[in-house]
Each structure stands twice: as structure tokens, then as C-alpha cells.
Amino acid sequence: MIGVPVPTWGINKMKTKWGACNSQAQRIWINLELITKPLPCLEYIVAHKLAHLIERNHSGRFVSIMDQALSTWRLLRDELNAEPLSHEELGA
């Protein structure tokens, strides 16, 4: 997607984030709850975390990387932010 290798990645149940990235260890984690969201939302989170392996902060460079990797990323971000993070919050 972005062309950056990821030596270590995994899926975890997270209560407060859609994903996490450790740029020094070159490791990303994806929230298990993304399985309940549309596939483009998962693609957005993966692209977001991969972009952080190149640019740690949400700088102009980061935005440029995201724009090149996934032109609809802002819409997908807004879609995810508009809903609860986990089904536990919905009482399920």
C-alpha cells in the first residue's frame, strides 16, 4: 500500500485506539474491532499506521503520504470517529 516493510504486526483488542504504531521497532497493532467496520476503514487504519513508520507526527509530510496512499482517508477517518470504538460501549 505504502511500500514500507513491517517486520512485526498483530491484532489486539483495544479500548481506546483503532491501532498503534511503534516506529522505532517497526511494529503496528490493529484493533480487533475493525472487523465490525467496512473494509475501507481497515484499509485506512493500515495506511495510517504504515505512514507513521515513515513520518512519526501528523505533519504535512504525513498528510502527503496519506493523500498519495488513500485519497479518501479523511472521509474514512470521519466515519470511524463518528461511531463508538467498541461494541462494549453499545451494551453488546
N, C-alpha and C. Protein backbone atom coordinates (compact mmCIF):
# COMPACT_ATOMS: atom_id res chain seq x y z
N MET A 1 0.83 -1.20 0.00
CA MET A 1 0.00 0.00 0.00
C MET A 1 0.87 1.26 0.00
N ILE A 2 1.82 1.30 0.91
CA ILE A 2 2.69 2.46 1.01
C ILE A 2 4.12 2.08 0.63
N GLY A 3 4.43 0.80 0.63
CA GLY A 3 5.75 0.35 0.23
C GLY A 3 6.77 0.34 1.35
N VAL A 4 6.31 0.26 2.57
CA VAL A 4 7.22 0.20 3.71
C VAL A 4 7.07 -1.18 4.36
N PRO A 5 8.19 -1.86 4.61
CA PRO A 5 8.10 -3.19 5.24
C PRO A 5 7.68 -3.09 6.71
N VAL A 6 6.94 -4.08 7.16
CA VAL A 6 6.51 -4.14 8.56
C VAL A 6 6.96 -5.49 9.13
N PRO A 7 8.10 -5.51 9.80
CA PRO A 7 8.59 -6.78 10.33
C PRO A 7 7.65 -7.44 11.33
N THR A 8 6.97 -6.63 12.14
CA THR A 8 6.09 -7.17 13.16
C THR A 8 4.75 -6.44 13.14
N TRP A 9 3.68 -7.22 13.15
CA TRP A 9 2.35 -6.65 13.22
C TRP A 9 1.46 -7.63 13.96
N GLY A 10 0.33 -7.14 14.42
CA GLY A 10 -0.59 -8.02 15.14
C GLY A 10 -1.95 -7.38 15.30
N ILE A 11 -2.85 -8.16 15.84
CA ILE A 11 -4.22 -7.72 16.08
C ILE A 11 -4.48 -7.87 17.57
N ASN A 12 -4.99 -6.82 18.19
CA ASN A 12 -5.31 -6.81 19.62
C ASN A 12 -6.67 -6.19 19.84
N LYS A 13 -7.28 -6.53 20.94
CA LYS A 13 -8.50 -5.83 21.35
C LYS A 13 -8.05 -4.60 22.13
N MET A 14 -8.43 -3.44 21.62
CA MET A 14 -8.03 -2.17 22.24
C MET A 14 -9.27 -1.41 22.65
N LYS A 15 -9.18 -0.72 23.77
CA LYS A 15 -10.33 0.02 24.27
C LYS A 15 -10.37 1.47 23.81
N THR A 16 -9.21 2.03 23.45
CA THR A 16 -9.19 3.48 23.18
C THR A 16 -8.64 3.87 21.82
N LYS A 17 -8.11 2.92 21.04
CA LYS A 17 -7.50 3.27 19.75
C LYS A 17 -7.89 2.27 18.68
N TRP A 18 -7.87 2.72 17.43
CA TRP A 18 -8.10 1.83 16.28
C TRP A 18 -6.83 1.07 15.92
N GLY A 19 -5.70 1.58 16.34
CA GLY A 19 -4.43 0.92 16.05
C GLY A 19 -3.32 1.61 16.79
N ALA A 20 -2.14 1.00 16.74
CA ALA A 20 -0.97 1.57 17.40
C ALA A 20 0.25 1.28 16.54
N CYS A 21 1.24 2.14 16.69
CA CYS A 21 2.45 2.01 15.89
C CYS A 21 3.66 2.34 16.76
N ASN A 22 4.69 1.52 16.62
CA ASN A 22 5.98 1.82 17.24
C ASN A 22 6.96 1.96 16.08
N SER A 23 7.28 3.19 15.73
CA SER A 23 8.11 3.43 14.55
C SER A 23 9.54 2.95 14.75
N GLN A 24 10.05 2.99 15.98
CA GLN A 24 11.41 2.51 16.21
C GLN A 24 11.50 0.99 16.06
N ALA A 25 10.52 0.28 16.59
CA ALA A 25 10.51 -1.19 16.49
C ALA A 25 9.93 -1.66 15.16
N GLN A 26 9.40 -0.72 14.36
CA GLN A 26 8.78 -1.07 13.08
C GLN A 26 7.66 -2.10 13.29
N ARG A 27 6.77 -1.78 14.24
CA ARG A 27 5.69 -2.69 14.61
C ARG A 27 4.36 -1.95 14.63
N ILE A 28 3.32 -2.58 14.08
CA ILE A 28 1.98 -2.00 14.14
C ILE A 28 1.02 -3.01 14.75
N TRP A 29 0.01 -2.47 15.43
CA TRP A 29 -1.07 -3.26 16.01
C TRP A 29 -2.37 -2.68 15.49
N ILE A 30 -3.29 -3.57 15.18
CA ILE A 30 -4.60 -3.18 14.67
C ILE A 30 -5.66 -3.65 15.66
N ASN A 31 -6.66 -2.81 15.90
CA ASN A 31 -7.74 -3.13 16.83
C ASN A 31 -8.66 -4.19 16.23
N LEU A 32 -8.93 -5.24 16.99
CA LEU A 32 -9.82 -6.31 16.57
C LEU A 32 -11.20 -5.79 16.18
N GLU A 33 -11.66 -4.71 16.78
CA GLU A 33 -12.99 -4.15 16.50
C GLU A 33 -13.15 -3.72 15.04
N LEU A 34 -12.06 -3.53 14.33
CA LEU A 34 -12.16 -3.13 12.92
C LEU A 34 -12.85 -4.19 12.07
N ILE A 35 -12.92 -5.41 12.58
CA ILE A 35 -13.62 -6.47 11.84
C ILE A 35 -15.11 -6.14 11.69
N THR A 36 -15.63 -5.28 12.56
CA THR A 36 -17.05 -4.92 12.51
C THR A 36 -17.31 -3.71 11.61
N LYS A 37 -16.27 -3.15 11.06
CA LYS A 37 -16.38 -1.95 10.22
C LYS A 37 -16.22 -2.32 8.75
N PRO A 38 -16.63 -1.44 7.85
CA PRO A 38 -16.41 -1.69 6.42
C PRO A 38 -14.92 -1.83 6.10
N LEU A 39 -14.59 -2.65 5.12
CA LEU A 39 -13.20 -2.91 4.74
C LEU A 39 -12.39 -1.64 4.47
N PRO A 40 -12.95 -0.62 3.82
CA PRO A 40 -12.16 0.61 3.61
C PRO A 40 -11.69 1.25 4.91
N CYS A 41 -12.42 1.07 6.01
CA CYS A 41 -11.98 1.61 7.30
C CYS A 41 -10.73 0.89 7.78
N LEU A 42 -10.67 -0.41 7.60
CA LEU A 42 -9.46 -1.17 7.93
C LEU A 42 -8.30 -0.71 7.07
N GLU A 43 -8.56 -0.52 5.78
CA GLU A 43 -7.51 -0.04 4.87
C GLU A 43 -6.98 1.32 5.33
N TYR A 44 -7.87 2.18 5.79
CA TYR A 44 -7.45 3.49 6.29
C TYR A 44 -6.52 3.35 7.49
N ILE A 45 -6.90 2.51 8.46
CA ILE A 45 -6.07 2.35 9.65
C ILE A 45 -4.71 1.76 9.30
N VAL A 46 -4.69 0.77 8.42
CA VAL A 46 -3.41 0.19 8.00
C VAL A 46 -2.55 1.26 7.32
N ALA A 47 -3.14 2.02 6.40
CA ALA A 47 -2.39 3.08 5.73
C ALA A 47 -1.88 4.11 6.74
N HIS A 48 -2.71 4.47 7.70
CA HIS A 48 -2.35 5.45 8.72
C HIS A 48 -1.14 4.96 9.52
N LYS A 49 -1.19 3.71 9.94
CA LYS A 49 -0.08 3.16 10.73
C LYS A 49 1.18 3.00 9.89
N LEU A 50 1.05 2.58 8.65
CA LEU A 50 2.21 2.48 7.77
C LEU A 50 2.83 3.85 7.53
N ALA A 51 1.99 4.86 7.37
CA ALA A 51 2.50 6.22 7.18
C ALA A 51 3.31 6.67 8.39
N HIS A 52 2.90 6.23 9.59
CA HIS A 52 3.64 6.59 10.80
C HIS A 52 5.00 5.90 10.86
N LEU A 53 5.19 4.82 10.13
CA LEU A 53 6.52 4.22 10.08
C LEU A 53 7.49 5.10 9.29
N ILE A 54 6.93 5.97 8.44
CA ILE A 54 7.75 6.90 7.65
C ILE A 54 7.84 8.25 8.35
N GLU A 55 6.70 8.73 8.85
CA GLU A 55 6.62 10.05 9.50
C GLU A 55 5.88 9.89 10.82
N ARG A 56 6.58 10.12 11.90
CA ARG A 56 6.01 9.86 13.24
C ARG A 56 4.83 10.78 13.58
N ASN A 57 4.91 12.04 13.20
CA ASN A 57 3.88 13.02 13.58
C ASN A 57 2.86 13.22 12.47
N HIS A 58 1.77 13.88 12.79
CA HIS A 58 0.75 14.22 11.81
C HIS A 58 1.12 15.52 11.10
N SER A 59 2.29 15.53 10.54
CA SER A 59 2.83 16.71 9.87
C SER A 59 2.31 16.81 8.44
N GLY A 60 2.72 17.84 7.75
CA GLY A 60 2.38 17.98 6.33
C GLY A 60 2.90 16.81 5.52
N ARG A 61 4.07 16.31 5.88
CA ARG A 61 4.63 15.14 5.19
C ARG A 61 3.74 13.92 5.39
N PHE A 62 3.25 13.74 6.61
CA PHE A 62 2.35 12.63 6.91
C PHE A 62 1.08 12.74 6.06
N VAL A 63 0.50 13.93 6.01
CA VAL A 63 -0.72 14.15 5.22
C VAL A 63 -0.46 13.85 3.75
N SER A 64 0.68 14.25 3.25
CA SER A 64 1.04 13.99 1.86
C SER A 64 1.14 12.48 1.59
N ILE A 65 1.75 11.76 2.52
CA ILE A 65 1.86 10.30 2.39
C ILE A 65 0.46 9.68 2.36
N MET A 66 -0.40 10.13 3.25
CA MET A 66 -1.77 9.60 3.30
C MET A 66 -2.55 9.95 2.03
N ASP A 67 -2.39 11.17 1.54
CA ASP A 67 -3.08 11.57 0.31
C ASP A 67 -2.67 10.69 -0.86
N GLN A 68 -1.40 10.35 -0.93
CA GLN A 68 -0.91 9.51 -2.02
C GLN A 68 -1.37 8.06 -1.86
N ALA A 69 -1.42 7.58 -0.63
CA ALA A 69 -1.76 6.17 -0.38
C ALA A 69 -3.25 5.90 -0.47
N LEU A 70 -4.06 6.85 0.01
CA LEU A 70 -5.50 6.61 0.12
C LEU A 70 -6.23 7.95 0.06
N SER A 71 -6.68 8.30 -1.11
CA SER A 71 -7.27 9.63 -1.31
C SER A 71 -8.52 9.89 -0.47
N THR A 72 -9.21 8.86 -0.06
CA THR A 72 -10.45 9.02 0.73
C THR A 72 -10.21 8.92 2.23
N TRP A 73 -8.97 9.02 2.66
CA TRP A 73 -8.67 8.76 4.07
C TRP A 73 -9.40 9.69 5.02
N ARG A 74 -9.63 10.93 4.67
CA ARG A 74 -10.32 11.86 5.58
C ARG A 74 -11.77 11.43 5.81
N LEU A 75 -12.44 10.99 4.77
CA LEU A 75 -13.82 10.51 4.91
C LEU A 75 -13.88 9.27 5.79
N LEU A 76 -12.93 8.36 5.60
CA LEU A 76 -12.89 7.14 6.39
C LEU A 76 -12.56 7.44 7.85
N ARG A 77 -11.66 8.38 8.07
CA ARG A 77 -11.33 8.80 9.44
C ARG A 77 -12.57 9.35 10.13
N ASP A 78 -13.30 10.21 9.42
CA ASP A 78 -14.51 10.80 9.99
C ASP A 78 -15.57 9.73 10.28
N GLU A 79 -15.67 8.75 9.39
CA GLU A 79 -16.63 7.65 9.59
C GLU A 79 -16.30 6.88 10.87
N LEU A 80 -15.04 6.55 11.06
CA LEU A 80 -14.63 5.83 12.27
C LEU A 80 -14.82 6.67 13.52
N ASN A 81 -14.50 7.94 13.44
CA ASN A 81 -14.61 8.81 14.62
C ASN A 81 -16.05 9.11 15.00
N ALA A 82 -16.99 8.90 14.08
CA ALA A 82 -18.39 9.18 14.35
C ALA A 82 -19.09 8.06 15.12
N GLU A 83 -18.43 6.90 15.24
CA GLU A 83 -19.04 5.75 15.89
C GLU A 83 -18.25 5.34 17.13
N PRO A 84 -18.89 4.60 18.04
CA PRO A 84 -18.16 4.12 19.22
C PRO A 84 -17.00 3.22 18.80
N LEU A 85 -15.97 3.21 19.62
CA LEU A 85 -14.80 2.40 19.34
C LEU A 85 -15.08 0.92 19.46
N SER A 86 -15.89 0.53 20.45
CA SER A 86 -16.14 -0.90 20.61
C SER A 86 -17.61 -1.17 20.83
N HIS A 87 -17.98 -2.42 20.57
CA HIS A 87 -19.36 -2.85 20.79
C HIS A 87 -19.71 -2.86 22.26
N GLU A 88 -18.71 -2.97 23.12
CA GLU A 88 -18.97 -2.95 24.57
C GLU A 88 -19.64 -1.65 24.97
N GLU A 89 -19.28 -0.56 24.28
CA GLU A 89 -19.89 0.74 24.58
C GLU A 89 -21.36 0.78 24.19
N LEU A 90 -21.76 -0.10 23.28
CA LEU A 90 -23.15 -0.15 22.84
C LEU A 90 -23.97 -1.08 23.74
N GLY A 91 -23.33 -1.71 24.69
CA GLY A 91 -24.02 -2.62 25.58
C GLY A 91 -24.13 -4.03 25.02
N ALA A 92 -23.35 -4.33 23.98
CA ALA A 92 -23.41 -5.67 23.37
C ALA A 92 -22.50 -6.63 24.10
